[in-house]
Protein backbone atom coordinates (compact mmCIF):
# COMPACT_ATOMS: atom_id res chain seq x y z
CA MET A 1 -73.21 68.19 108.65
CA SER A 2 -69.92 67.10 107.14
CA GLU A 3 -68.52 69.48 104.54
CA SER A 4 -66.45 66.73 102.93
CA PHE A 5 -69.28 65.52 100.71
CA TYR A 6 -72.48 66.62 99.06
CA ILE A 7 -75.77 64.87 99.76
CA GLU A 8 -77.79 64.23 96.60
CA VAL A 9 -81.44 63.28 97.19
CA ASP A 10 -83.78 62.17 94.41
CA HIS A 11 -86.63 59.83 93.64
CA GLU A 12 -88.66 58.37 90.79
CA GLU A 13 -92.27 57.22 90.83
CA LYS A 14 -94.68 55.51 88.46
CA PRO A 15 -98.42 55.24 89.21
CA HIS A 16 -100.53 52.10 88.94
CA GLU A 17 -101.51 51.45 85.32
CA GLY A 18 -104.61 53.48 84.43
CA GLU A 19 -104.14 56.01 87.25
CA ARG A 20 -103.08 59.60 86.69
CA ILE A 21 -102.15 60.16 90.33
CA CYS A 22 -99.60 58.14 92.32
CA GLY A 23 -100.45 56.58 95.68
CA ASP A 24 -96.80 56.85 96.77
CA ILE A 25 -95.60 60.22 98.10
CA PHE A 26 -91.99 61.36 98.43
CA VAL A 27 -91.19 64.56 100.35
CA ASN A 28 -87.93 66.06 101.57
CA LYS A 29 -86.88 69.21 103.36
CA ARG A 30 -83.63 70.94 104.14
CA VAL A 31 -83.82 72.38 107.67
CA SER A 32 -81.35 75.20 107.11
CA GLU A 33 -81.16 76.44 110.70
CA GLU A 34 -80.12 72.96 111.88
CA ASN A 35 -78.19 71.93 108.74
CA ARG A 36 -80.34 68.79 108.41
CA ILE A 37 -82.07 66.99 105.55
CA VAL A 38 -85.22 64.95 106.24
CA THR A 39 -86.72 62.68 103.58
CA VAL A 40 -89.93 60.62 103.70
CA LEU A 41 -91.47 58.00 101.40
CA SER A 42 -95.03 56.85 102.13
CA ASP A 43 -97.17 54.26 100.30
CA GLY A 44 -100.92 54.67 100.80
CA LEU A 45 -103.36 51.75 100.89
CA GLY A 46 -104.44 50.69 97.40
CA HIS A 47 -103.87 53.14 94.57
CA GLY A 48 -105.30 56.29 93.04
CA VAL A 49 -106.75 59.27 94.90
CA LYS A 50 -107.46 57.48 98.21
CA ALA A 51 -103.95 56.09 98.39
CA ASN A 52 -102.54 59.50 97.51
CA ILE A 53 -104.48 61.17 100.34
CA LEU A 54 -103.34 58.59 102.90
CA ALA A 55 -99.72 58.83 101.76
CA THR A 56 -99.80 62.65 101.67
CA LEU A 57 -101.17 62.82 105.21
CA THR A 58 -98.65 60.26 106.45
CA SER A 59 -95.62 61.83 104.77
CA SER A 60 -96.56 65.33 105.99
CA MET A 61 -96.91 64.18 109.60
CA ALA A 62 -93.75 62.08 109.42
CA LEU A 63 -91.75 64.99 108.00
CA ASN A 64 -92.98 67.48 110.60
CA PHE A 65 -92.53 65.13 113.57
CA ALA A 66 -89.05 64.11 112.46
CA ILE A 67 -88.04 67.77 112.13
CA GLU A 68 -89.28 68.31 115.71
CA HIS A 69 -87.05 65.43 116.95
CA LYS A 70 -90.01 63.34 118.14
CA ASP A 71 -89.35 59.86 119.51
CA PRO A 72 -89.61 57.20 116.74
CA VAL A 73 -92.37 55.26 118.51
CA ARG A 74 -94.31 58.48 119.16
CA ILE A 75 -94.08 59.41 115.47
CA ALA A 76 -95.51 56.03 114.46
CA GLU A 77 -98.28 56.12 117.10
CA VAL A 78 -99.55 59.55 116.07
CA ILE A 79 -99.50 58.68 112.37
CA MET A 80 -101.31 55.36 112.80
CA ASN A 81 -103.93 56.82 115.15
CA THR A 82 -104.59 59.84 112.92
CA LEU A 83 -105.10 58.16 109.54
CA PRO A 84 -108.74 57.97 108.38
CA ILE A 85 -110.39 54.54 108.17
CA ASP A 86 -110.77 53.11 104.64
CA ASP A 87 -114.52 52.64 103.97
CA GLU A 88 -114.13 49.36 102.10
CA ARG A 89 -111.44 47.55 104.08
CA LYS A 90 -112.22 49.14 107.47
CA ILE A 91 -108.53 49.82 108.10
CA SER A 92 -106.31 52.89 108.02
CA TYR A 93 -103.02 52.15 106.45
CA ALA A 94 -99.96 53.78 104.95
CA THR A 95 -96.32 52.74 105.12
CA PHE A 96 -93.45 55.14 105.67
CA THR A 97 -89.67 55.39 105.51
CA ILE A 98 -88.05 58.40 107.23
CA VAL A 99 -84.40 59.24 106.60
CA ASP A 100 -83.01 62.00 108.85
CA ILE A 101 -79.50 63.29 108.07
CA GLU A 102 -78.40 65.34 111.06
CA SER A 103 -75.96 68.22 111.47
CA ASN A 104 -73.27 65.96 112.96
CA GLY A 105 -73.41 63.81 109.82
CA GLU A 106 -75.26 60.92 111.48
CA VAL A 107 -78.15 59.26 109.66
CA SER A 108 -81.21 57.75 111.34
CA ILE A 109 -83.71 55.62 109.40
CA LEU A 110 -87.17 54.74 110.70
CA GLU A 111 -89.46 52.59 108.60
CA TYR A 112 -92.79 50.84 108.84
CA ASP A 113 -93.83 48.12 106.40
CA ASN A 114 -91.90 49.32 103.36
CA PRO A 115 -89.26 47.02 101.81
CA GLN A 116 -86.20 47.25 104.03
CA THR A 117 -83.96 50.18 103.18
CA PHE A 118 -80.42 49.17 102.33
CA VAL A 119 -77.08 50.99 102.30
CA MET A 120 -74.27 50.62 99.78
CA ARG A 121 -70.72 51.63 100.64
CA GLY A 122 -69.22 52.10 97.20
CA SER A 123 -70.31 49.00 95.29
CA GLU A 124 -70.56 46.80 98.40
CA MET A 125 -73.46 46.28 100.78
CA TYR A 126 -73.09 47.92 104.20
CA MET A 127 -75.22 46.60 107.05
CA PRO A 128 -76.03 49.15 109.78
CA GLU A 129 -77.28 47.71 113.07
CA TRP A 130 -81.07 47.56 112.76
CA GLN A 131 -83.34 47.54 115.83
CA CYS A 132 -86.81 46.01 115.85
CA ILE A 133 -89.31 48.12 117.83
CA LEU A 134 -92.63 46.44 118.75
CA MET A 135 -95.47 48.86 119.37
CA GLU A 136 -97.93 48.72 122.26
CA GLY A 137 -101.47 49.94 122.88
CA GLU A 138 -103.83 50.27 119.92
CA ASN A 139 -101.03 49.32 117.55
CA ARG A 140 -99.77 46.42 119.63
CA GLY A 141 -97.66 43.95 117.67
CA LYS A 142 -96.88 46.28 114.78
CA GLU A 143 -93.18 46.39 114.04
CA LEU A 144 -90.89 49.32 113.28
CA ARG A 145 -87.31 49.10 112.04
CA TYR A 146 -84.77 51.68 113.16
CA CYS A 147 -81.05 52.27 112.69
CA ARG A 148 -78.39 54.95 113.07
CA PHE A 149 -75.01 55.12 111.35
CA LYS A 150 -72.29 57.53 110.24
CA PRO A 151 -72.16 57.72 106.43
CA LYS A 152 -68.95 57.86 104.41
CA LYS A 153 -68.24 59.37 101.01
CA GLU A 154 -69.70 57.19 98.20
CA ASP A 155 -72.40 55.74 100.47
CA ARG A 156 -75.88 55.36 99.00
CA ILE A 157 -79.14 54.89 100.91
CA ILE A 158 -81.73 53.15 98.70
CA PHE A 159 -85.39 52.76 99.65
CA ALA A 160 -88.61 51.92 97.82
CA SER A 161 -92.29 51.10 98.00
CA ASP A 162 -93.44 47.50 97.54
CA GLY A 163 -94.32 48.26 93.92
CA VAL A 164 -90.61 47.64 93.30
CA THR A 165 -90.19 44.38 95.21
CA GLN A 166 -93.57 42.95 94.12
CA SER A 167 -93.07 43.82 90.46
CA GLY A 168 -93.34 40.82 88.16
CA LEU A 169 -95.60 39.00 90.64
CA GLY A 170 -97.16 35.97 88.91
CA SER A 171 -94.81 36.12 85.94
CA ASP A 172 -92.73 33.16 84.76
CA ALA A 173 -89.53 34.99 85.72
CA TYR A 174 -90.71 36.16 89.14
CA PRO A 175 -93.75 34.14 90.29
CA LEU A 176 -93.37 35.53 93.84
CA GLY A 177 -92.32 39.01 92.70
CA TRP A 178 -88.91 40.54 92.07
CA GLY A 179 -88.14 40.54 95.81
CA GLU A 180 -85.74 42.48 98.02
CA GLU A 181 -82.73 40.32 97.15
CA ASN A 182 -83.09 40.85 93.38
CA TRP A 183 -83.75 44.58 93.87
CA GLN A 184 -80.59 44.95 95.94
CA GLU A 185 -78.52 42.87 93.50
CA PHE A 186 -79.78 45.01 90.59
CA ALA A 187 -78.69 48.21 92.37
CA LYS A 188 -75.32 46.66 93.29
CA THR A 189 -74.64 45.55 89.71
CA THR A 190 -75.68 48.96 88.35
CA VAL A 191 -73.25 50.76 90.68
CA GLU A 192 -70.45 48.30 89.86
CA HIS A 193 -70.86 49.07 86.15
CA GLU A 194 -71.26 52.84 86.71
CA PRO A 195 -69.58 53.81 90.02
CA GLY A 196 -70.41 57.51 89.72
CA ILE A 197 -74.09 57.05 88.81
CA SER A 198 -76.21 59.87 90.24
CA ALA A 199 -79.08 59.39 92.67
CA SER A 200 -81.55 60.52 90.01
CA LYS A 201 -80.30 58.04 87.41
CA LEU A 202 -80.15 55.12 89.84
CA CYS A 203 -83.71 55.55 91.12
CA ARG A 204 -84.97 55.92 87.52
CA ARG A 205 -83.19 52.69 86.57
CA VAL A 206 -84.80 50.81 89.48
CA VAL A 207 -88.33 52.01 88.63
CA ALA A 208 -87.78 51.31 84.91
CA ARG A 209 -86.66 47.77 85.73
CA ALA A 210 -89.69 47.23 87.98
CA ALA A 211 -91.94 48.41 85.12
CA LYS A 212 -90.20 45.98 82.79
CA ASN A 213 -90.82 43.15 85.29
CA ASP A 214 -94.53 44.00 85.04
CA GLY A 215 -94.46 43.92 81.25
CA PHE A 216 -94.62 47.75 81.28
CA VAL A 217 -98.12 47.58 82.81
CA SER A 218 -97.52 48.58 86.45
CA LYS A 219 -99.69 46.58 88.85
CA ASP A 220 -98.98 48.92 91.77
CA ASP A 221 -97.65 52.39 92.51
CA THR A 222 -93.89 52.08 92.21
CA SER A 223 -91.34 54.41 93.83
CA CYS A 224 -87.63 54.43 94.60
CA GLY A 225 -85.60 57.01 96.51
CA VAL A 226 -81.81 57.32 96.58
CA ILE A 227 -79.56 59.43 98.81
CA TYR A 228 -75.96 59.64 97.58
CA PHE A 229 -73.05 61.05 99.62
CA ARG A 230 -70.38 62.20 97.18
CA GLU A 231 -67.92 64.82 95.99
CA PRO A 232 -69.83 68.02 95.12
CA ARG A 233 -70.28 68.95 91.46
CA LYS A 234 -69.81 72.71 91.18
CA LEU A 235 -71.31 75.20 88.73
CA LEU A 236 -70.65 78.92 88.23
CA ILE A 237 -73.16 81.27 86.58
CA CYS A 238 -72.02 84.82 85.79
CA THR A 239 -74.54 87.40 84.71
CA GLY A 240 -74.27 91.15 84.40
CA PRO A 241 -71.33 93.59 84.24
CA PRO A 242 -69.66 94.71 87.51
CA PHE A 243 -70.87 97.98 89.03
CA GLN A 244 -67.39 99.50 88.65
CA LYS A 245 -65.50 98.98 85.40
CA GLU A 246 -62.21 98.40 87.25
CA ASN A 247 -63.75 95.16 88.62
CA ASP A 248 -64.05 93.69 85.11
CA ILE A 249 -60.70 91.93 85.52
CA LYS A 250 -61.76 90.64 88.95
CA LEU A 251 -64.82 89.04 87.32
CA ALA A 252 -62.75 87.56 84.50
CA GLU A 253 -60.21 86.06 86.93
CA ALA A 254 -62.99 84.53 89.04
CA VAL A 255 -64.34 82.80 85.92
CA LYS A 256 -60.90 81.66 84.78
CA ASN A 257 -59.94 80.18 88.17
CA PHE A 258 -63.24 78.48 88.99
CA LYS A 259 -62.96 74.68 89.34
CA GLY A 260 -66.16 73.36 87.83
CA LYS A 261 -68.60 74.01 84.99
CA LYS A 262 -69.18 77.60 83.86
CA ILE A 263 -72.15 79.46 82.37
CA ILE A 264 -72.11 83.06 81.19
CA SER A 265 -75.56 84.57 80.79
CA GLY A 266 -75.59 87.93 79.06
CA ALA A 267 -73.88 89.47 76.02
CA THR A 268 -72.24 92.31 77.95
CA THR A 269 -70.86 89.88 80.53
CA ALA A 270 -69.51 87.67 77.73
CA ASP A 271 -67.86 90.67 76.05
CA ILE A 272 -66.09 91.54 79.32
CA ILE A 273 -64.76 88.00 79.80
CA SER A 274 -63.71 87.85 76.15
CA ARG A 275 -61.87 91.17 76.34
CA GLU A 276 -60.12 90.55 79.66
CA LEU A 277 -59.06 86.95 78.98
CA GLY A 278 -58.51 87.22 75.23
CA TYR A 279 -61.11 84.52 74.47
CA GLU A 280 -62.94 84.61 71.13
CA ILE A 281 -66.75 84.52 70.97
CA GLU A 282 -68.34 82.48 68.21
CA ASP A 283 -71.98 83.29 67.48
CA GLY A 284 -74.48 80.45 67.18
CA PHE A 285 -77.35 80.35 64.69
CA GLU A 286 -79.46 77.43 65.98
CA PHE A 287 -82.80 78.75 67.26
CA ASP A 288 -83.67 75.75 69.47
CA ASP A 289 -86.05 77.94 71.48
CA PRO A 290 -88.09 80.44 69.41
CA ASP A 291 -88.47 82.68 72.48
CA LEU A 292 -84.74 83.11 73.07
CA PRO A 293 -81.60 84.13 71.16
CA PRO A 294 -79.36 81.18 70.22
CA ILE A 295 -76.44 79.87 72.24
CA SER A 296 -72.95 81.26 71.49
CA TYR A 297 -69.57 79.66 72.18
CA MET A 298 -66.40 80.67 74.01
CA GLU A 299 -63.21 78.82 74.93
CA GLY A 300 -63.29 77.55 78.54
CA ILE A 301 -67.01 78.25 78.96
CA ASP A 302 -69.51 75.37 79.02
CA LEU A 303 -72.55 77.46 78.04
CA LEU A 304 -72.94 81.03 76.77
CA THR A 305 -76.46 82.50 76.56
CA GLU A 306 -78.41 85.76 76.46
CA GLY A 307 -79.08 87.20 79.90
CA ILE A 308 -82.31 88.30 81.57
CA LEU A 309 -84.82 86.69 79.17
CA THR A 310 -83.04 83.34 79.44
CA LEU A 311 -82.73 83.47 83.23
CA SER A 312 -86.41 84.42 83.55
CA LYS A 313 -87.31 81.31 81.56
CA VAL A 314 -84.95 79.22 83.71
CA SER A 315 -86.90 80.40 86.76
CA GLU A 316 -90.21 79.34 85.18
CA LEU A 317 -88.85 75.94 84.12
CA LEU A 318 -87.53 75.25 87.63
CA LYS A 319 -90.85 76.30 89.19
CA LYS A 320 -92.81 73.84 87.03
CA TYR A 321 -90.18 71.07 87.03
CA ASP A 322 -91.18 67.60 88.22
CA ASN A 323 -90.16 64.02 87.44
CA LYS A 324 -92.31 64.06 84.29
CA THR A 325 -90.55 67.13 82.84
CA THR A 326 -88.74 66.66 79.53
CA LEU A 327 -86.21 69.35 78.72
CA GLY A 328 -85.43 70.49 75.18
CA LYS A 329 -82.27 71.88 73.57
CA GLY A 330 -82.97 75.59 74.11
CA PRO A 331 -80.63 77.82 76.16
CA ALA A 332 -82.87 77.90 79.26
CA ASP A 333 -83.42 74.13 79.09
CA GLN A 334 -79.67 73.56 78.93
CA ILE A 335 -79.10 75.77 81.98
CA VAL A 336 -81.75 73.81 83.90
CA LYS A 337 -80.06 70.52 82.93
CA MET A 338 -76.73 71.81 84.21
CA LEU A 339 -78.33 73.09 87.42
CA ARG A 340 -79.99 69.70 88.03
CA GLU A 341 -76.66 67.92 87.47
CA SER A 342 -74.80 70.24 89.87
CA ASP A 343 -74.71 70.24 93.66
CA GLU A 344 -73.15 73.58 94.53
CA VAL A 345 -74.27 76.53 92.40
CA ASN A 346 -72.32 79.78 92.56
CA PHE A 347 -73.70 83.01 91.12
CA ILE A 348 -71.63 86.12 90.42
CA ILE A 349 -74.07 88.95 89.73
CA GLY A 350 -72.94 92.20 88.19
CA THR A 351 -74.88 95.18 89.57
CA ARG A 352 -74.44 97.72 86.78
CA ILE A 353 -77.83 98.76 85.37
CA ASN A 354 -78.40 97.57 81.81
CA ILE A 355 -79.94 100.44 79.83
CA ALA A 356 -81.69 97.98 77.50
CA HIS A 357 -83.96 96.83 80.33
CA GLN A 358 -85.35 100.32 80.93
CA ASP A 359 -87.24 100.21 77.61
CA PRO A 360 -90.95 100.68 78.49
CA ASN A 361 -91.89 98.52 75.50
CA LEU A 362 -90.32 95.41 77.09
CA PRO A 363 -92.74 93.06 78.95
CA VAL A 364 -93.80 94.29 82.41
CA GLU A 365 -92.76 90.97 83.98
CA LEU A 366 -89.16 91.40 82.82
CA GLU A 367 -87.54 91.89 86.23
CA ILE A 368 -84.13 93.14 87.16
CA ARG A 369 -81.37 90.56 87.16
CA ARG A 370 -80.91 90.33 90.91
CA THR A 371 -84.58 89.52 91.53
CA VAL A 372 -84.63 86.73 88.95
CA VAL A 373 -81.41 85.17 90.27
CA LYS A 374 -82.69 85.27 93.86
CA ARG A 375 -85.85 83.47 92.73
CA ILE A 376 -83.75 80.82 90.97
CA ALA A 377 -81.57 80.46 94.09
CA SER A 378 -84.62 80.00 96.32
CA LEU A 379 -86.01 77.27 94.04
CA LEU A 380 -82.64 75.50 93.92
CA GLU A 381 -82.36 75.52 97.72
CA ASP A 382 -85.94 74.68 98.69
CA LYS A 383 -87.11 72.43 95.87
CA PHE A 384 -83.88 70.76 94.75
CA LEU A 385 -81.81 70.91 97.98
CA LYS A 386 -78.86 72.55 96.21
CA LYS A 387 -76.21 74.57 98.02
CA VAL A 388 -76.25 78.10 96.56
CA ASN A 389 -73.77 80.96 96.96
CA ILE A 390 -74.46 84.44 95.58
CA GLN A 391 -71.79 87.12 95.14
CA PHE A 392 -72.57 90.64 93.97
CA ILE A 393 -69.89 92.58 92.14
């Protein structure tokens, strides 16, 4: 996969009014050994639990078959022949969109019955060459759409369930629904006004607009996914003093020379940076999280927090994080916000043992720094598709 840009993948969903569970399912996976990213959006028949089951089954099969490099027609055949029959309508049905970003940088898109995926190159529409594939056998006459293209920096792939395009159906403004043309024009105008808008913000804007079209009473499950190819946003997190004291200056220089946002987590680490670089530390007194010490401040550092307790909470927040999560102002919340807004996360972990953490009165679950950071790194890679580098010092 090209190293010249980062691939940001995100989605937003809103269930049918009155339902707690969404009938649209979005899944994605980074296939590390092949340097690929595979993303699937499926819309199950109807809404609620039944729709969710159909979409979950469809998205899981689509993801696994795509990872195995199955032929597009074969993927569709197996999915359509495997889905259970709906008791009321006597049909099995779920749509899908599969986006496969391969190691050579090429993108393939396979979709069935979702609104047509579109690609933006900067703020302009880009039209890849779509093929129409007509199925045979039991699914004779059903139509798949398929395309392949080589993305460029600042490309966006935007896809959705029909809850987006059918929003506003029957209203004075959109008697036939919002439609694909209006959806695409909305995305285009949004990008024109905010060229660097993230994938997460753009998909949230689309779903929010669809909800507005429905008078904020969603008449269908509504989902939008965005894949954005862009310059990586880098973050450095330093925690823990170096094993050997003579490496203190090496740590300080690494922080000083890093091109991106910087977090220092740990008082001892902060003291080292302050001493070696001559930066003053200013203590904070705002207890935005009653479980954690307040944030402090240092020149050239974007966030300065306590160490192991804060990182342990970051791990828990990331584990529970979903698109309904609202983050507060506490130190751990702020770290999570910065992690979510970053693409490449670099950790420098000092390996000197901190005597304070050997106190038997501290909670049993308070783990050593390296273990907590490795857990955070795993969540960032697997759940949020971040690129993570870890350096021990």
